[in-house]
Amino acid sequence: QVQYVESGGGMVQPGGSLRLSCSASGFPFANYAITWYRQAPGQERELVAVISRAGDNFVYHDAVKGRFIMSRDSAINTVYLQMNNLKPEDTARYYCKAAWPKSDIRGNIWGQGTQVTVSS
């Protein structure tokens, strides 16, 4: 079955950096674009970044452009999110997920996420 294991979160001061990792299993990883989402307390989950199947095209939320970099290693079914110049508003739980078609029920599966807290 589809599974995601996110890691790398933590507490960091404003201006600091973190590198998140997500290991996925249960589907042909190389065949799918992969996404990072985040959810802050009391807010809806929002899309942060997308990487194409080949890893050569990207989409980033305006709030993270120029600060976050997404990458993937399809040989080990893993994606990364390098987060630089972190801001308090980046505080959230971060999740990865394949970019399933809307009709695919596997789109309802999420991992446990990894918590990022940016605070002085």
Protein backbone atom coordinates (compact mmCIF):
# COMPACT_ATOMS: atom_id res chain seq x y z
CA GLN A 1 0.00 0.00 0.00
CA VAL A 2 1.01 3.60 -0.48
CA GLN A 3 3.11 4.95 2.38
CA TYR A 4 5.08 8.11 3.03
CA VAL A 5 7.63 8.68 5.78
CA GLU A 6 8.63 12.30 6.26
CA SER A 7 11.60 13.35 8.37
CA GLY A 8 14.04 16.18 8.99
CA GLY A 9 11.81 18.65 10.74
CA GLY A 10 12.72 20.47 13.91
CA MET A 11 12.96 23.82 15.60
CA VAL A 12 15.10 26.51 14.03
CA GLN A 13 15.62 30.22 14.44
CA PRO A 14 14.46 32.67 11.76
CA GLY A 15 16.96 32.73 8.93
CA GLY A 16 17.98 29.16 9.54
CA SER A 17 17.76 26.13 7.26
CA LEU A 18 16.33 22.63 7.33
CA ARG A 19 16.30 19.77 4.85
CA LEU A 20 13.21 17.59 4.83
CA SER A 21 13.16 14.09 3.40
CA CYS A 22 10.28 11.90 2.32
CA SER A 23 10.59 8.22 1.56
CA ALA A 24 7.67 6.78 -0.41
CA SER A 25 6.63 3.21 -1.15
CA GLY A 26 3.78 1.18 -2.56
CA PHE A 27 3.62 2.74 -6.02
CA PRO A 28 5.91 3.30 -9.03
CA PHE A 29 7.59 6.41 -7.63
CA ALA A 30 9.45 7.39 -10.80
CA ASN A 31 6.18 7.60 -12.73
CA TYR A 32 4.68 10.37 -10.63
CA ALA A 33 5.23 14.00 -9.91
CA ILE A 34 5.60 14.47 -6.17
CA THR A 35 4.34 17.28 -3.96
CA TRP A 36 5.11 18.85 -0.60
CA TYR A 37 2.22 20.29 1.40
CA ARG A 38 2.14 22.01 4.76
CA GLN A 39 -0.51 22.67 7.36
CA ALA A 40 -0.29 25.19 10.15
CA PRO A 41 -2.57 25.00 13.21
CA GLY A 42 -6.05 26.22 12.39
CA GLN A 43 -5.30 26.54 8.70
CA GLU A 44 -5.99 24.43 5.65
CA ARG A 45 -3.30 22.30 4.11
CA GLU A 46 -1.54 24.18 1.32
CA LEU A 47 0.62 23.13 -1.58
CA VAL A 48 4.24 24.20 -1.14
CA ALA A 49 6.13 22.62 -4.03
CA VAL A 50 5.84 20.16 -6.89
CA ILE A 51 8.57 18.31 -8.77
CA SER A 52 8.05 16.61 -12.12
CA ARG A 53 8.63 12.94 -12.76
CA ALA A 54 12.00 13.65 -14.34
CA GLY A 55 12.94 16.15 -11.66
CA ASP A 56 13.46 18.95 -14.15
CA ASN A 57 10.34 21.03 -13.66
CA PHE A 58 9.13 22.67 -10.49
CA VAL A 59 6.25 24.67 -9.09
CA TYR A 60 6.60 26.62 -5.87
CA HIS A 61 4.15 28.52 -3.70
CA ASP A 62 4.85 32.23 -4.03
CA ALA A 63 5.63 32.42 -0.31
CA VAL A 64 8.61 30.05 -0.64
CA LYS A 65 10.01 30.94 -4.06
CA GLY A 66 13.71 31.67 -3.89
CA ARG A 67 14.01 30.05 -0.44
CA PHE A 68 12.89 26.42 -0.86
CA ILE A 69 14.35 23.92 -3.30
CA MET A 70 12.74 20.57 -4.04
CA SER A 71 14.66 17.61 -5.43
CA ARG A 72 14.18 13.89 -5.90
CA ASP A 73 16.18 10.68 -6.09
CA SER A 74 13.96 8.20 -7.83
CA ALA A 75 16.54 5.43 -7.37
CA ILE A 76 15.67 5.40 -3.67
CA ASN A 77 12.06 6.68 -3.89
CA THR A 78 12.88 9.82 -1.96
CA VAL A 79 12.17 13.52 -2.31
CA TYR A 80 13.77 16.37 -0.44
CA LEU A 81 12.83 19.91 0.47
CA GLN A 82 15.74 22.22 1.22
CA MET A 83 14.36 25.14 3.18
CA ASN A 84 16.54 28.23 3.55
CA ASN A 85 16.01 31.60 5.19
CA LEU A 86 13.16 30.18 7.20
CA LYS A 87 10.53 32.52 8.57
CA PRO A 88 8.09 32.14 11.47
CA GLU A 89 5.25 31.84 8.96
CA ASP A 90 6.87 28.65 7.62
CA THR A 91 5.94 26.96 10.90
CA ALA A 92 3.73 24.01 9.98
CA ARG A 93 3.60 20.26 9.63
CA TYR A 94 5.01 19.23 6.25
CA TYR A 95 3.77 16.30 4.18
CA CYS A 96 4.75 14.76 0.86
CA LYS A 97 2.42 13.03 -1.54
CA ALA A 98 2.35 11.81 -5.10
CA ALA A 99 0.45 14.02 -7.52
CA TRP A 100 -2.40 11.58 -8.06
CA PRO A 101 -5.21 12.26 -10.54
CA LYS A 102 -8.24 13.69 -8.72
CA SER A 103 -10.19 10.49 -9.31
CA ASP A 104 -7.54 8.31 -7.67
CA ILE A 105 -8.48 7.36 -4.11
CA ARG A 106 -4.80 6.93 -3.27
CA GLY A 107 -4.82 10.71 -3.12
CA ASN A 108 -6.48 10.40 0.29
CA ILE A 109 -3.43 8.74 1.80
CA TRP A 110 -1.04 10.91 3.82
CA GLY A 111 1.97 10.21 5.97
CA GLN A 112 2.48 11.43 9.53
CA GLY A 113 4.30 14.52 8.36
CA THR A 114 7.24 16.26 9.98
CA GLN A 115 6.94 19.34 12.18
CA VAL A 116 8.86 22.50 11.35
CA THR A 117 8.91 25.26 13.93
CA VAL A 118 10.61 28.58 13.23
CA SER A 119 10.97 30.68 16.33
CA SER A 120 13.47 32.86 18.10
